[in-house]
């Protein structure tokens, strides 16, 4: 009798049970495992550059090499003008933001495949993995933004073409939109690649093409004579993000700003994140059977 009583009064610290609703996103569970999230962020940061000679210096070299390459190819050779602002600042602004979005999308899109061994052995909210990717890339973005900020301060004090404005206050929202877009689209793709593996190869190619459909290497104002193309490009939610960032730090000579564009990008992001999370939540129940 005493043994039976102890069994009834025993308190479990963890109860694992199947999710009964598609809309049960386990937000409380994700918050409970926030320490694991931070641990995964640290792991990603250390593992990426642990075996490299230059280490974290690559955080600075990558955007610099990319920006100067774009300046040489597109500005000097192709003759694409970047407005009234220094071309190196124009390209650094675009490549810094695009790299964050692209990294979040590419790495999140393979989260099932890359972590199948861990998912099959240890319980934790699966959403922790893609969230850790977005946060760890945020660390990289912060370092690269510091590099852009140094260049920006130099030109701000040596020229009179840089016109920063109060739109800078929207920077946290712009980062949130980029991270949300990368997370949402990545969750959709990783759920689909669980069944269609070829999408991984298609995605890397599509991201490169998508960059040219975003004003990373050219100002949107250069398309004023082609309104139909400009309209199509404005449907890309990353377009108002990059244009607003340039407008905030460089002024009207480097970018453009509209509240309608920011509202559109914000709504688009919320829809994509919710859709991606729901699809991810559905697939994670059975992905171990097909991964």
Protein backbone atom coordinates (compact mmCIF):
# COMPACT_ATOMS: atom_id res chain seq x y z
CA UNK A 1 0.00 0.00 0.00
CA UNK A 2 2.84 2.40 0.86
CA UNK A 3 4.52 1.76 -2.51
CA UNK A 4 1.26 2.48 -4.36
CA UNK A 5 0.80 5.70 -2.39
CA UNK A 6 4.31 6.88 -3.30
CA UNK A 7 3.65 6.22 -6.96
CA UNK A 8 0.53 8.37 -6.85
CA UNK A 9 2.23 11.26 -5.05
CA UNK A 10 5.42 11.26 -7.14
CA UNK A 11 5.98 14.53 -8.98
CA UNK A 12 7.55 14.46 -12.45
CA UNK A 13 9.74 17.33 -13.59
CA UNK A 14 9.16 16.66 -17.29
CA UNK A 15 6.21 15.11 -19.12
CA UNK A 16 6.64 14.39 -22.84
CA UNK A 17 3.42 13.97 -24.76
CA UNK A 18 2.35 14.28 -28.41
CA UNK A 19 1.20 17.67 -29.60
CA UNK A 20 -2.52 17.45 -30.19
CA UNK A 21 -3.05 20.72 -32.02
CA UNK A 22 -1.31 22.20 -35.04
CA UNK A 23 -1.51 25.62 -33.39
CA UNK A 24 0.19 24.48 -30.18
CA UNK A 25 3.52 26.26 -30.82
CA UNK A 26 4.95 25.55 -27.34
CA UNK A 27 6.07 29.13 -26.80
CA UNK A 28 6.32 28.55 -23.04
CA UNK A 29 8.52 25.51 -23.65
CA UNK A 30 10.84 27.57 -25.85
CA UNK A 31 11.15 30.17 -23.10
CA UNK A 32 11.91 27.46 -20.52
CA UNK A 33 14.79 26.25 -22.69
CA UNK A 34 16.30 29.71 -23.24
CA UNK A 35 19.53 28.58 -21.58
CA UNK A 36 19.88 25.91 -24.26
CA UNK A 37 19.30 28.57 -26.88
CA UNK A 38 22.19 30.64 -25.56
CA UNK A 39 24.37 27.54 -25.37
CA UNK A 40 23.66 26.73 -29.02
CA UNK A 41 24.44 30.31 -30.02
CA UNK A 42 27.81 30.08 -28.29
CA UNK A 43 28.46 26.70 -29.94
CA UNK A 44 27.73 28.05 -33.41
CA UNK A 45 29.94 31.08 -32.86
CA UNK A 46 32.91 29.04 -31.61
CA UNK A 47 32.56 26.12 -34.04
CA UNK A 48 32.42 28.32 -37.13
CA UNK A 49 35.88 29.80 -36.73
CA UNK A 50 37.60 27.43 -34.29
CA UNK A 51 39.66 25.68 -36.98
CA UNK A 52 40.47 28.84 -38.98
CA UNK A 53 43.74 30.77 -38.92
CA UNK A 54 42.23 34.25 -38.83
CA UNK A 55 39.30 33.32 -36.58
CA UNK A 56 36.73 36.10 -35.98
CA UNK A 57 38.71 38.41 -38.28
CA UNK A 58 36.71 36.78 -41.08
CA UNK A 59 33.70 38.65 -39.72
CA UNK A 60 35.40 41.85 -40.92
CA UNK A 61 37.13 40.51 -44.03
CA UNK A 62 34.03 39.01 -45.64
CA UNK A 63 31.96 42.24 -45.88
CA UNK A 64 35.04 44.28 -46.81
CA UNK A 65 36.07 41.98 -49.65
CA UNK A 66 32.48 41.74 -50.89
CA UNK A 67 31.87 45.50 -50.77
CA UNK A 68 35.12 46.39 -52.54
CA UNK A 69 34.50 43.71 -55.16
CA UNK A 70 31.04 45.12 -55.84
CA UNK A 71 32.48 48.61 -56.02
CA UNK A 72 35.10 47.54 -58.57
CA UNK A 73 32.79 45.42 -60.73
CA UNK A 74 29.47 47.24 -60.64
CA UNK A 75 30.52 50.84 -59.97
CA UNK A 76 33.88 51.12 -61.76
CA UNK A 77 33.45 48.62 -64.61
CA UNK A 78 29.68 48.44 -65.16
CA UNK A 79 29.20 52.13 -64.37
CA UNK A 80 26.23 51.66 -62.03
CA UNK A 81 25.90 54.87 -60.05
CA UNK A 82 25.14 54.77 -56.32
CA UNK A 83 23.65 58.21 -55.91
CA UNK A 84 25.53 61.04 -54.21
CA UNK A 85 27.01 58.98 -51.38
CA UNK A 86 30.41 57.19 -51.40
CA UNK A 87 30.00 53.93 -53.29
CA UNK A 88 31.84 51.86 -50.66
CA UNK A 89 29.34 52.95 -47.99
CA UNK A 90 26.45 52.17 -50.34
CA UNK A 91 27.69 48.63 -50.97
CA UNK A 92 28.64 47.97 -47.35
CA UNK A 93 25.14 48.91 -46.21
CA UNK A 94 23.52 46.55 -48.71
CA UNK A 95 25.86 43.57 -48.28
CA UNK A 96 25.81 43.74 -44.46
CA UNK A 97 22.02 43.48 -44.32
CA UNK A 98 21.74 40.96 -47.13
CA UNK A 99 24.34 38.66 -45.56
CA UNK A 100 22.30 38.47 -42.35
CA UNK A 101 19.08 37.59 -44.16
CA UNK A 102 20.78 35.08 -46.48
CA UNK A 103 22.63 33.33 -43.62
CA UNK A 104 19.44 32.99 -41.57
CA UNK A 105 17.57 31.56 -44.56
CA UNK A 106 20.28 29.18 -45.76
CA UNK A 107 21.15 27.72 -42.34
CA UNK A 108 17.56 27.46 -41.13
CA UNK A 109 16.56 25.64 -44.33
CA UNK A 110 18.73 22.63 -43.40
CA UNK A 111 18.01 22.49 -39.67
CA UNK A 112 16.20 19.10 -39.86
CA UNK A 113 18.96 17.48 -41.88
CA UNK A 114 21.85 18.98 -39.89
CA UNK A 115 20.43 18.10 -36.46
CA UNK A 116 18.71 14.76 -37.15
CA UNK A 117 21.03 12.88 -34.76
CA UNK A 118 20.33 15.27 -31.89
CA UNK A 119 16.58 15.39 -32.54
CA UNK A 120 16.41 11.60 -32.39
CA UNK A 121 18.05 11.32 -28.97
CA UNK A 122 17.26 14.35 -26.82
CA UNK A 123 13.99 16.11 -26.07
CA UNK A 124 13.77 19.88 -26.33
CA UNK A 125 11.48 22.23 -28.29
CA UNK A 126 12.62 21.80 -31.89
CA UNK A 127 12.03 25.48 -32.59
CA UNK A 128 15.06 26.20 -30.40
CA UNK A 129 17.41 25.15 -33.22
CA UNK A 130 16.25 27.60 -35.92
CA UNK A 131 15.92 30.35 -33.33
CA UNK A 132 19.53 29.80 -32.25
CA UNK A 133 20.62 30.26 -35.88
CA UNK A 134 18.87 33.63 -36.12
CA UNK A 135 20.37 34.81 -32.82
CA UNK A 136 23.91 33.59 -33.59
CA UNK A 137 23.78 35.37 -36.96
CA UNK A 138 22.70 38.46 -35.04
CA UNK A 139 26.09 38.41 -33.30
CA UNK A 140 27.80 38.33 -36.70
CA UNK A 141 25.58 41.16 -37.93
CA UNK A 142 26.52 43.28 -34.90
CA UNK A 143 30.23 42.87 -35.62
CA UNK A 144 29.83 43.70 -39.30
CA UNK A 145 27.63 46.67 -38.46
CA UNK A 146 30.45 48.02 -36.29
CA UNK A 147 32.70 47.92 -39.36
CA UNK A 148 30.10 49.79 -41.40
CA UNK A 149 29.74 52.29 -38.54
CA UNK A 150 33.49 53.04 -38.56
CA UNK A 151 33.40 53.79 -42.29
CA UNK A 152 30.22 55.79 -41.82
CA UNK A 153 31.77 57.97 -39.11
CA UNK A 154 34.80 58.63 -41.29
CA UNK A 155 32.75 59.86 -44.25
CA UNK A 156 30.35 61.71 -41.95
CA UNK A 157 33.26 63.81 -40.64
CA UNK A 158 35.18 64.21 -43.91
CA UNK A 159 32.35 64.87 -46.39
CA UNK A 160 29.06 66.73 -46.43
CA UNK A 161 27.07 64.19 -48.47
CA UNK A 162 26.05 61.98 -45.54
CA UNK A 163 22.71 63.08 -44.10
CA UNK A 164 21.58 60.80 -41.26
CA UNK A 165 18.10 61.32 -39.90
CA UNK A 166 15.65 60.15 -37.23
CA UNK A 167 14.75 57.07 -39.28
CA UNK A 168 17.79 55.45 -37.64
CA UNK A 169 15.43 54.69 -34.75
CA UNK A 170 13.81 52.04 -36.99
CA UNK A 171 17.01 49.95 -37.03
CA UNK A 172 15.74 47.39 -34.45
CA UNK A 173 12.57 46.92 -36.51
CA UNK A 174 14.60 46.42 -39.69
CA UNK A 175 16.72 43.75 -37.99
CA UNK A 176 13.59 42.07 -36.65
CA UNK A 177 12.06 42.00 -40.14
CA UNK A 178 15.20 40.51 -41.70
CA UNK A 179 15.54 37.85 -39.01
CA UNK A 180 11.83 37.04 -39.25
CA UNK A 181 11.95 36.68 -43.03
CA UNK A 182 15.00 34.42 -42.86
CA UNK A 183 13.42 32.35 -40.08
CA UNK A 184 9.99 32.05 -41.68
CA UNK A 185 11.17 31.15 -45.17
CA UNK A 186 13.82 28.85 -43.69
CA UNK A 187 11.22 26.93 -41.66
CA UNK A 188 9.07 26.46 -44.75
CA UNK A 189 12.00 25.22 -46.82
CA UNK A 190 13.36 22.87 -44.13
CA UNK A 191 9.91 21.31 -43.77
CA UNK A 192 9.71 20.81 -47.54
CA UNK A 193 13.27 19.46 -47.86
CA UNK A 194 12.31 16.78 -45.39
CA UNK A 195 10.57 15.20 -48.40
CA UNK A 196 12.13 16.97 -51.39
CA UNK A 197 15.90 17.05 -50.85
CA UNK A 198 16.63 18.83 -54.14
CA UNK A 199 15.23 22.07 -52.70
CA UNK A 200 18.45 22.60 -50.73
CA UNK A 201 20.45 22.95 -53.93
CA UNK A 202 17.76 25.07 -55.52
CA UNK A 203 17.65 27.41 -52.52
CA UNK A 204 21.34 28.33 -52.60
CA UNK A 205 20.96 29.24 -56.27
CA UNK A 206 17.68 31.10 -55.65
CA UNK A 207 19.18 33.22 -52.84
CA UNK A 208 21.94 34.41 -55.16
CA UNK A 209 19.40 35.37 -57.82
CA UNK A 210 17.15 37.03 -55.23
CA UNK A 211 19.98 39.40 -54.32
CA UNK A 212 19.74 40.91 -57.80
CA UNK A 213 16.00 41.36 -57.29
CA UNK A 214 16.86 43.41 -54.19
CA UNK A 215 18.57 46.85 -54.33
CA UNK A 216 21.85 45.58 -52.90
CA UNK A 217 24.09 46.63 -55.79
CA UNK A 218 21.96 49.43 -57.25
CA UNK A 219 19.71 52.17 -55.84
CA UNK A 220 16.00 51.81 -56.39
CA UNK A 221 15.98 55.41 -57.65
CA UNK A 222 17.94 54.28 -60.73
CA UNK A 223 14.78 52.50 -61.91
CA UNK A 224 12.68 55.68 -62.06
CA UNK A 225 12.50 55.35 -65.86
CA UNK A 226 11.23 51.76 -65.54
CA UNK A 227 8.21 51.98 -63.18
CA UNK A 228 6.98 48.46 -63.97
CA UNK A 229 10.28 46.91 -62.85
CA UNK A 230 10.38 49.14 -59.78
CA UNK A 231 6.86 48.01 -58.83
CA UNK A 232 7.87 44.36 -59.06
CA UNK A 233 10.99 44.93 -56.95
CA UNK A 234 8.95 46.72 -54.28
CA UNK A 235 7.00 43.48 -53.80
CA UNK A 236 10.20 42.02 -52.38
CA UNK A 237 9.92 42.65 -48.60
CA UNK A 238 13.70 43.07 -48.35
CA UNK A 239 13.59 46.09 -50.68
CA UNK A 240 12.05 48.58 -48.19
CA UNK A 241 14.34 47.22 -45.46
CA UNK A 242 17.57 47.95 -47.34
CA UNK A 243 16.28 51.22 -48.78
CA UNK A 244 15.19 52.42 -45.33
CA UNK A 245 18.55 51.49 -43.80
CA UNK A 246 20.43 53.46 -46.44
CA UNK A 247 18.05 56.39 -46.14
CA UNK A 248 18.46 56.43 -42.34
CA UNK A 249 22.26 56.46 -42.31
CA UNK A 250 23.15 58.00 -45.68
CA UNK A 251 20.23 60.28 -46.42
CA UNK A 252 18.06 60.71 -49.51
CA UNK A 253 21.15 60.42 -51.70
CA UNK A 254 21.61 56.79 -50.70
CA UNK A 255 18.13 55.38 -50.24
CA UNK A 256 14.42 56.03 -49.94
CA UNK A 257 11.82 55.64 -47.22
CA UNK A 258 8.07 55.16 -47.00
CA UNK A 259 5.89 54.08 -44.10
CA UNK A 260 3.84 52.03 -46.54
CA UNK A 261 6.90 49.99 -47.50
CA UNK A 262 7.83 49.32 -43.88
CA UNK A 263 4.23 48.37 -43.02
CA UNK A 264 4.11 45.99 -45.98
CA UNK A 265 7.42 44.35 -45.00
CA UNK A 266 6.27 44.04 -41.37
CA UNK A 267 2.94 42.39 -42.25
CA UNK A 268 4.65 40.11 -44.78
CA UNK A 269 7.14 39.03 -42.11
CA UNK A 270 4.46 38.23 -39.53
CA UNK A 271 2.54 36.11 -42.06
CA UNK A 272 5.69 34.23 -43.17
CA UNK A 273 6.84 33.55 -39.59
CA UNK A 274 3.41 32.25 -38.54
CA UNK A 275 3.07 30.11 -41.67
CA UNK A 276 6.61 28.76 -41.33
CA UNK A 277 6.14 27.95 -37.65
CA UNK A 278 2.87 26.12 -38.28
CA UNK A 279 4.39 24.05 -41.09
CA UNK A 280 7.48 23.32 -38.99
CA UNK A 281 5.26 22.33 -36.06
CA UNK A 282 3.35 19.89 -38.26
CA UNK A 283 6.39 18.26 -39.90
CA UNK A 284 8.49 17.91 -36.74
CA UNK A 285 6.07 15.29 -35.40
CA UNK A 286 7.05 12.77 -38.04
CA UNK A 287 10.26 13.98 -39.67
CA UNK A 288 12.39 11.32 -37.92
CA UNK A 289 10.58 8.72 -40.03
CA UNK A 290 11.77 10.25 -43.31
CA UNK A 291 14.95 12.22 -42.54
